[in-house]
Every structure is written in C-alpha cells, then in structure tokens.
C-alpha cells in the first residue's frame, strides 16, 4: 500500500479566483418543483452557511493544537450575484440523508466555465430532517477546493448550498416521490438512546477528547438545528453531474477491474492529502467522471476516471494528528478492503 504524500493546506481566497465553481451563484430557482391549489410552483433558494466540522484528533495523548490550520473555517460567503435556474428531470439515487436528481439548466449556465458548458447539474435534496447533515457535506466540498486540485479532479464540482422554507407548498416533488413522512417524526430506525441528535453527525457519537471544537462550530445555526414540522426547510447541494455508479463486482479480477480499483485507491490517497477521512467508503459512493472530463491530477499525473461523493459522515483532521497516528494516512484506502465496500447500506 502506497503511503500518501501529505500536503500543507493553502488558505482559500475566493476573491482571487473569480471562476471558482462554489462562488458562481448566490441563488437557485427550481422550476415546477411543487404544487398547490393554484397549480405548479417554482421555489427560489438562497445561499446559506455550511456547518464546519470539529477537528478530529482521536484522543491524542499530547493534547490538541488549539489553533486550527489555515483555511479550516473557510466558507465562501460572497458569491457572484448570479442565479442558476433549473428544472428537475430523472431521479439519480437516494440514501440516508438525501435524494439526488438530474436537473436541466434553463438559465445561468453561461456562468459556468469550461467547454463544452454543462447542460445539467445534480441537485441533492436533504430529507427534511437531515438539513444539518447536508450543511456539513457542503462544508467538506468547501474544504476540497478547485484551486488545490480536488473538486473536478477527485470530487464533483460544487456550485453551492441553498435553502428555503417550503412556503405555500405542502411538499416538493423529491419528498413526495420519496414518500417522506412530513410529520418529521423520528424514522423507525432512530434510537433515541444511541443518537443524541435526530440528524446525527460523527461528533455526536464521540467522546469529547476525540475532537476539538471552536466558536464557529458552536455558534453555527446548524449546531443545535432541529426540523420544524410547521415550517419544513428545503436544503440542497448543487453539484456537477457525474456518470454511473462504480459497477465492478467483488469477484471481478480482470485487468480492467484492477485498473479501476487502482484509480479509486489513488482518489482516496488524494483525499488523505486534504486531511479528510471519508468514513463511508463503499462502491456506491464512487461515480464515473463526466465523459468530457480531462482534468489532470497533479498528484498522479493523469486524469482520474471516477469521483468520490457523500461526505456527511466524514471527519477532518490535521497534520499533527496525522504525524501522531499513522492510521490517518492509510484508513481511506484500507477501508476499501472491508466487506462493506461492496454493500449498499449506509450507516
């Protein structure tokens, strides 16, 4: 197993990169997403803050470095004043926290750089009681910026995190098709004694000595957020649309399959370089890169054929923790060898 090269983080300066995907849009308009007695409704969503993760140190006996690394709390808060207008098409998939749809771009697509310009994006809708988890996943995309060659190289490009109240509608198409219980009661598999928060995140299950918290974390509106049955929140991630799920089978030992597995291992090695522990490494969280993608990974010297997604249960650590515990260097790749890699479930 190749040990990853750990690189130092570079603070994210949105003002220096006018074409960074995550800064392109300040609002999102989804056409015909809901209905009322007056007919089909569109929904306008605004950019919202993401939810910073506490720093994972895993009981380092020497105690934590109390200063967060540069860029830790970066959240692009001054995007361009562009509005992306989309219309939903087919459902792409669903998981514990959300439902993903393909969406056709109706307006605003000219703001997205590249040739050819994309005609579609992926919209990931949080279940109404999992908006906190989606805000966390959005933060991880901010921590994997394009200028450090992560987004568009090993993850999809990220166009922002947007929210809105439900307004005059009683539900939206994704929730209706997903048969979401709009009473927002705890799901059947929710164990009140085991999970301290209905929309639980990794730190909710950890000892206090495993993480370092800061004011940005505890003062965030997502820190103690709870779903409101009387006024459900619609929250979405807008991402680059990717291809199909990684479709190799465990018993496939062909040369092509080994090449694909090697590509996934390189991607996870790159993720380690950003001090990110994915924590949900399964084949269903790897999608094929867009067919027209040719972005070269500077860490491996070629374009990756896949992208990794779903960061709501991920952890972020720092250089001190990595030096203290080599586990941080190998876990992203090592967990690909676990049986759960081939399973469909999400914990």
Protein backbone atom coordinates (compact mmCIF):
# COMPACT_ATOMS: atom_id res chain seq x y z
CA UNK A 1 0.00 0.00 0.00
CA UNK A 2 1.46 3.35 -1.06
CA UNK A 3 1.66 5.93 1.71
CA UNK A 4 0.09 9.20 0.58
CA UNK A 5 2.07 12.38 0.34
CA UNK A 6 0.53 14.85 2.77
CA UNK A 7 0.46 18.41 1.51
CA UNK A 8 0.03 21.54 3.55
CA UNK A 9 -3.28 23.33 3.15
CA UNK A 10 -3.46 26.64 1.31
CA UNK A 11 -5.99 29.18 2.66
CA UNK A 12 -8.94 29.58 0.31
CA UNK A 13 -9.25 33.13 -1.03
CA UNK A 14 -12.45 33.34 -3.11
CA UNK A 15 -11.71 36.88 -4.27
CA UNK A 16 -8.58 35.66 -6.06
CA UNK A 17 -10.46 33.03 -8.07
CA UNK A 18 -13.44 34.64 -9.81
CA UNK A 19 -14.39 31.45 -11.65
CA UNK A 20 -14.35 29.03 -8.71
CA UNK A 21 -17.48 26.90 -9.10
CA UNK A 22 -18.58 27.31 -5.48
CA UNK A 23 -18.68 31.12 -5.85
CA UNK A 24 -20.66 31.38 -9.08
CA UNK A 25 -24.22 31.55 -7.74
CA UNK A 26 -25.97 33.37 -4.91
CA UNK A 27 -29.41 31.88 -5.57
CA UNK A 28 -31.11 28.91 -7.16
CA UNK A 29 -34.53 28.74 -8.83
CA UNK A 30 -36.05 25.28 -9.31
CA UNK A 31 -39.00 25.34 -11.71
CA UNK A 32 -42.19 23.36 -11.11
CA UNK A 33 -40.86 21.62 -8.02
CA UNK A 34 -44.08 21.78 -6.02
CA UNK A 35 -47.80 22.21 -6.46
CA UNK A 36 -50.63 23.98 -4.71
CA UNK A 37 -54.29 24.71 -5.34
CA UNK A 38 -53.08 27.39 -7.74
CA UNK A 39 -51.05 24.94 -9.83
CA UNK A 40 -47.30 24.16 -10.24
CA UNK A 41 -44.92 26.20 -8.11
CA UNK A 42 -41.28 27.14 -8.52
CA UNK A 43 -39.03 27.54 -5.49
CA UNK A 44 -36.34 30.17 -5.01
CA UNK A 45 -33.50 29.19 -2.68
CA UNK A 46 -30.70 31.38 -1.31
CA UNK A 47 -27.09 30.62 -0.44
CA UNK A 48 -26.73 29.53 3.18
CA UNK A 49 -23.84 28.94 5.53
CA UNK A 50 -22.33 25.49 5.75
CA UNK A 51 -21.60 23.67 9.02
CA UNK A 52 -17.90 23.44 9.99
CA UNK A 53 -16.73 20.13 11.41
CA UNK A 54 -14.84 20.00 14.68
CA UNK A 55 -11.23 18.88 14.30
CA UNK A 56 -10.83 15.13 14.79
CA UNK A 57 -7.76 14.28 16.92
CA UNK A 58 -8.69 10.76 18.18
CA UNK A 59 -7.54 11.08 21.78
CA UNK A 60 -4.03 12.33 21.03
CA UNK A 61 -2.31 11.92 24.44
CA UNK A 62 -0.19 15.02 23.87
CA UNK A 63 -3.32 17.12 23.64
CA UNK A 64 -4.59 19.12 20.68
CA UNK A 65 -3.04 22.02 18.90
CA UNK A 66 -5.57 24.68 19.86
CA UNK A 67 -5.05 26.64 16.65
CA UNK A 68 -7.00 25.39 13.65
CA UNK A 69 -4.95 25.04 10.45
CA UNK A 70 -5.22 27.78 7.78
CA UNK A 71 -8.41 27.54 5.77
CA UNK A 72 -10.25 25.39 8.32
CA UNK A 73 -13.24 27.66 8.66
CA UNK A 74 -13.32 28.98 5.12
CA UNK A 75 -16.85 29.29 3.75
CA UNK A 76 -17.24 31.30 0.53
CA UNK A 77 -19.78 33.84 1.75
CA UNK A 78 -19.57 36.36 -1.12
CA UNK A 79 -20.56 34.55 -4.30
CA UNK A 80 -21.35 36.29 -7.55
CA UNK A 81 -24.94 37.59 -7.81
CA UNK A 82 -25.85 35.04 -10.48
CA UNK A 83 -28.99 32.90 -10.27
CA UNK A 84 -28.99 29.34 -11.56
CA UNK A 85 -32.37 28.29 -12.98
CA UNK A 86 -33.05 24.57 -13.37
CA UNK A 87 -35.83 22.08 -13.95
CA UNK A 88 -35.78 18.59 -12.43
CA UNK A 89 -35.57 15.54 -14.64
CA UNK A 90 -34.91 11.95 -13.57
CA UNK A 91 -34.09 10.72 -10.08
CA UNK A 92 -30.47 9.58 -9.78
CA UNK A 93 -30.50 7.87 -6.38
CA UNK A 94 -31.18 8.19 -2.67
CA UNK A 95 -29.54 7.46 0.66
CA UNK A 96 -29.83 8.03 4.39
CA UNK A 97 -29.81 11.83 4.21
CA UNK A 98 -31.00 12.79 0.76
CA UNK A 99 -32.35 12.23 -2.73
CA UNK A 100 -30.43 13.20 -5.88
CA UNK A 101 -31.94 14.36 -9.17
CA UNK A 102 -30.62 15.33 -12.56
CA UNK A 103 -31.63 18.91 -13.38
CA UNK A 104 -31.56 20.62 -16.75
CA UNK A 105 -30.04 24.11 -16.74
CA UNK A 106 -32.53 26.66 -18.08
CA UNK A 107 -30.59 29.83 -17.30
CA UNK A 108 -27.30 30.82 -15.67
CA UNK A 109 -25.27 28.07 -17.27
CA UNK A 110 -23.13 30.59 -19.15
CA UNK A 111 -21.56 31.48 -15.79
CA UNK A 112 -20.02 28.01 -15.56
CA UNK A 113 -16.58 27.89 -17.19
CA UNK A 114 -15.48 25.08 -19.46
CA UNK A 115 -16.03 23.79 -22.94
CA UNK A 116 -18.49 22.40 -23.62
CA UNK A 117 -20.54 24.08 -20.90
CA UNK A 118 -22.65 21.66 -18.89
CA UNK A 119 -26.32 21.32 -19.76
CA UNK A 120 -27.23 19.54 -16.50
CA UNK A 121 -26.31 19.55 -12.83
CA UNK A 122 -27.04 17.22 -9.94
CA UNK A 123 -29.36 18.52 -7.22
CA UNK A 124 -29.15 16.69 -3.91
CA UNK A 125 -32.16 17.34 -1.66
CA UNK A 126 -31.87 16.72 2.05
CA UNK A 127 -34.63 14.78 3.71
CA UNK A 128 -36.48 17.43 5.75
CA UNK A 129 -34.94 16.15 9.00
CA UNK A 130 -31.37 15.90 7.57
CA UNK A 131 -30.61 19.51 6.55
CA UNK A 132 -27.85 19.65 9.18
CA UNK A 133 -26.06 16.72 7.55
CA UNK A 134 -26.28 18.34 4.12
CA UNK A 135 -24.84 21.58 5.53
CA UNK A 136 -21.90 19.52 6.83
CA UNK A 137 -21.40 17.79 3.49
CA UNK A 138 -21.35 21.22 1.81
CA UNK A 139 -18.57 22.31 4.20
CA UNK A 140 -16.45 19.38 3.12
CA UNK A 141 -16.76 20.42 -0.52
CA UNK A 142 -15.53 23.87 0.54
CA UNK A 143 -12.55 22.11 2.11
CA UNK A 144 -11.73 20.40 -1.20
CA UNK A 145 -11.44 23.45 -3.46
CA UNK A 146 -10.67 23.56 -7.16
CA UNK A 147 -7.50 25.62 -6.78
CA UNK A 148 -5.97 22.82 -4.73
CA UNK A 149 -6.99 20.35 -7.46
CA UNK A 150 -9.64 18.40 -5.57
CA UNK A 151 -13.02 19.48 -6.99
CA UNK A 152 -13.26 18.44 -10.62
CA UNK A 153 -10.33 16.05 -10.06
CA UNK A 154 -11.42 13.60 -7.34
CA UNK A 155 -14.85 15.02 -6.37
CA UNK A 156 -17.60 16.64 -8.45
CA UNK A 157 -17.50 20.39 -8.79
CA UNK A 158 -19.65 22.06 -6.16
CA UNK A 159 -21.86 25.03 -7.06
CA UNK A 160 -23.25 25.83 -3.63
CA UNK A 161 -25.55 25.02 -0.72
CA UNK A 162 -29.00 26.64 -0.87
CA UNK A 163 -32.04 26.66 1.42
CA UNK A 164 -35.62 27.94 1.52
CA UNK A 165 -38.72 27.48 3.60
CA UNK A 166 -41.43 25.42 1.93
CA UNK A 167 -43.71 28.45 1.62
CA UNK A 168 -47.17 27.87 0.12
CA UNK A 169 -46.47 24.28 -0.91
CA UNK A 170 -47.22 21.29 1.30
CA UNK A 171 -44.28 19.27 -0.05
CA UNK A 172 -41.90 19.09 -3.01
CA UNK A 173 -41.59 16.52 -5.78
CA UNK A 174 -38.49 14.74 -4.37
CA UNK A 175 -40.09 14.32 -0.94
CA UNK A 176 -43.37 13.20 -2.48
CA UNK A 177 -41.71 10.64 -4.73
CA UNK A 178 -39.51 9.52 -1.83
CA UNK A 179 -42.62 9.07 0.35
CA UNK A 180 -41.15 11.29 3.07
CA UNK A 181 -43.15 11.49 6.29
CA UNK A 182 -43.91 15.21 6.51
CA UNK A 183 -44.79 14.94 10.19
CA UNK A 184 -41.00 14.89 10.65
CA UNK A 185 -41.20 12.31 13.40
CA UNK A 186 -38.15 10.18 14.07
CA UNK A 187 -37.64 7.40 11.50
CA UNK A 188 -38.27 3.85 12.66
CA UNK A 189 -34.53 3.09 12.85
CA UNK A 190 -33.82 6.08 15.10
CA UNK A 191 -32.61 5.04 18.55
CA UNK A 192 -33.09 7.95 20.92
CA UNK A 193 -30.67 6.48 23.44
CA UNK A 194 -27.98 5.86 20.84
CA UNK A 195 -28.21 9.09 18.84
CA UNK A 196 -28.08 12.40 20.67
CA UNK A 197 -29.49 14.26 17.68
CA UNK A 198 -32.02 13.04 15.14
CA UNK A 199 -29.84 14.45 12.36
CA UNK A 200 -26.72 12.96 13.92
CA UNK A 201 -23.18 13.71 12.81
CA UNK A 202 -19.97 11.85 13.76
CA UNK A 203 -19.09 14.12 16.69
CA UNK A 204 -22.49 13.47 18.28
CA UNK A 205 -21.31 9.91 18.96
CA UNK A 206 -17.74 10.68 20.05
CA UNK A 207 -16.04 11.34 23.35
CA UNK A 208 -15.16 14.97 23.95
CA UNK A 209 -11.45 14.08 23.86
CA UNK A 210 -11.77 12.92 20.23
CA UNK A 211 -12.48 16.34 18.75
CA UNK A 212 -11.52 19.98 19.13
CA UNK A 213 -14.42 22.41 18.82
CA UNK A 214 -14.26 26.11 18.11
CA UNK A 215 -16.57 29.12 18.19
CA UNK A 216 -17.51 28.80 14.53
CA UNK A 217 -18.81 25.30 15.24
CA UNK A 218 -20.72 26.02 18.45
CA UNK A 219 -22.11 29.35 17.21
CA UNK A 220 -23.32 27.95 13.89
CA UNK A 221 -27.07 27.97 13.34
CA UNK A 222 -26.70 24.28 12.43
CA UNK A 223 -25.17 23.34 15.79
CA UNK A 224 -28.48 22.61 17.51
CA UNK A 225 -30.74 22.78 14.45
CA UNK A 226 -33.92 20.72 14.54
CA UNK A 227 -36.51 20.21 11.82
CA UNK A 228 -39.71 22.22 12.25
CA UNK A 229 -42.84 20.27 11.18
CA UNK A 230 -44.78 23.52 10.85
CA UNK A 231 -42.22 25.11 8.53
CA UNK A 232 -40.06 22.45 6.80
CA UNK A 233 -36.75 23.61 5.36
CA UNK A 234 -35.75 22.72 1.81
CA UNK A 235 -31.96 22.42 1.52
CA UNK A 236 -29.98 21.33 -1.50
CA UNK A 237 -26.47 20.82 -2.78
CA UNK A 238 -25.80 21.70 -6.40
CA UNK A 239 -23.06 19.53 -7.88
CA UNK A 240 -21.53 18.68 -11.21
CA UNK A 241 -23.48 15.83 -12.80
CA UNK A 242 -21.42 12.67 -12.95
CA UNK A 243 -21.81 9.29 -14.61
CA UNK A 244 -22.96 5.91 -13.34
CA UNK A 245 -22.04 4.23 -10.06
CA UNK A 246 -18.79 2.26 -9.96
CA UNK A 247 -20.05 -1.04 -11.37
CA UNK A 248 -17.29 -3.57 -10.80
CA UNK A 249 -18.13 -6.69 -8.78
CA UNK A 250 -16.02 -8.06 -5.95
CA UNK A 251 -15.22 -11.25 -7.85
CA UNK A 252 -14.09 -9.36 -10.97
CA UNK A 253 -10.31 -9.76 -11.12
CA UNK A 254 -9.86 -8.68 -14.73
CA UNK A 255 -7.11 -6.27 -15.72
CA UNK A 256 -9.70 -3.55 -16.37
CA UNK A 257 -11.23 -4.08 -12.92
CA UNK A 258 -7.82 -3.89 -11.24
CA UNK A 259 -7.13 -0.66 -13.13
CA UNK A 260 -10.40 0.81 -11.89
CA UNK A 261 -9.68 -0.23 -8.29
CA UNK A 262 -6.26 1.38 -8.58
CA UNK A 263 -7.95 4.60 -9.73
CA UNK A 264 -10.19 4.55 -6.64
CA UNK A 265 -7.20 3.98 -4.38
CA UNK A 266 -5.43 6.98 -5.90
CA UNK A 267 -8.53 9.11 -5.32
CA UNK A 268 -8.65 8.10 -1.67
CA UNK A 269 -4.94 8.83 -1.35
CA UNK A 270 -5.63 12.31 -2.70
CA UNK A 271 -8.42 12.72 -0.15
CA UNK A 272 -5.97 11.87 2.61
CA UNK A 273 -3.74 14.69 1.34
CA UNK A 274 -6.53 17.07 2.35
CA UNK A 275 -6.67 15.52 5.87
CA UNK A 276 -10.15 14.18 5.18
CA UNK A 277 -11.29 10.75 6.42
CA UNK A 278 -14.29 9.75 4.31
CA UNK A 279 -15.73 7.25 6.85
CA UNK A 280 -18.28 5.75 4.43
CA UNK A 281 -16.11 4.09 1.78
CA UNK A 282 -18.43 1.99 -0.37
CA UNK A 283 -18.50 1.43 -4.11
CA UNK A 284 -21.84 3.26 -4.34
CA UNK A 285 -20.04 6.43 -3.25
CA UNK A 286 -17.85 6.38 -6.36
CA UNK A 287 -19.28 7.62 -9.66
CA UNK A 288 -17.76 7.72 -13.11
CA UNK A 289 -16.24 11.04 -14.14
CA UNK A 290 -18.02 13.04 -16.86
CA UNK A 291 -17.20 11.70 -20.31
CA UNK A 292 -15.66 15.01 -21.43
CA UNK A 293 -13.51 15.37 -18.29
CA UNK A 294 -9.78 15.59 -18.92
CA UNK A 295 -8.59 17.44 -15.81
CA UNK A 296 -5.17 16.11 -14.83
CA UNK A 297 -4.49 15.21 -11.21
CA UNK A 298 -1.14 16.82 -10.36
CA UNK A 299 -0.52 14.26 -7.64
CA UNK A 300 -0.74 11.31 -10.05
CA UNK A 301 -0.06 12.85 -13.45
CA UNK A 302 -3.23 11.67 -15.19
CA UNK A 303 -7.00 12.21 -15.20
CA UNK A 304 -8.99 10.07 -12.78
CA UNK A 305 -11.89 8.10 -14.25
CA UNK A 306 -14.06 8.34 -11.12
CA UNK A 307 -15.16 10.80 -8.42
CA UNK A 308 -15.91 10.25 -4.73
CA UNK A 309 -19.12 11.66 -3.19
CA UNK A 310 -21.13 11.74 0.08
CA UNK A 311 -19.22 13.46 2.88
CA UNK A 312 -21.92 13.87 5.56
CA UNK A 313 -20.23 11.36 7.87
CA UNK A 314 -16.65 12.42 7.07
CA UNK A 315 -14.01 13.64 9.51
CA UNK A 316 -11.29 16.20 9.11
CA UNK A 317 -8.02 16.12 10.99
CA UNK A 318 -4.72 17.99 10.78
CA UNK A 319 -1.00 17.47 10.27
CA UNK A 320 -0.29 17.00 13.99
CA UNK A 321 -2.81 14.17 14.32
CA UNK A 322 -1.50 12.50 11.16
CA UNK A 323 2.06 12.58 12.46
CA UNK A 324 0.95 11.14 15.79
CA UNK A 325 -1.23 8.36 14.39
CA UNK A 326 -0.31 6.73 11.01
CA UNK A 327 -3.87 5.33 10.89
CA UNK A 328 -4.95 8.65 9.39
CA UNK A 329 -2.61 8.06 6.44
CA UNK A 330 -3.98 4.67 5.46
CA UNK A 331 -7.61 4.47 6.55
CA UNK A 332 -9.20 5.87 3.36
CA UNK A 333 -7.51 3.21 1.24
CA UNK A 334 -7.53 0.43 3.83
CA UNK A 335 -11.32 0.52 4.26
CA UNK A 336 -11.70 -0.31 0.57
CA UNK A 337 -10.64 -3.82 1.57
CA UNK A 338 -13.52 -4.20 4.05
CA UNK A 339 -16.61 -6.22 3.05
CA UNK A 340 -18.79 -3.12 3.50
CA UNK A 341 -17.14 -1.60 0.40
CA UNK A 342 -19.34 -3.87 -1.74
CA UNK A 343 -22.54 -3.32 0.27
CA UNK A 344 -25.38 -0.91 -0.44
CA UNK A 345 -26.16 0.11 3.14
CA UNK A 346 -25.23 3.44 4.68
CA UNK A 347 -24.67 3.67 8.42
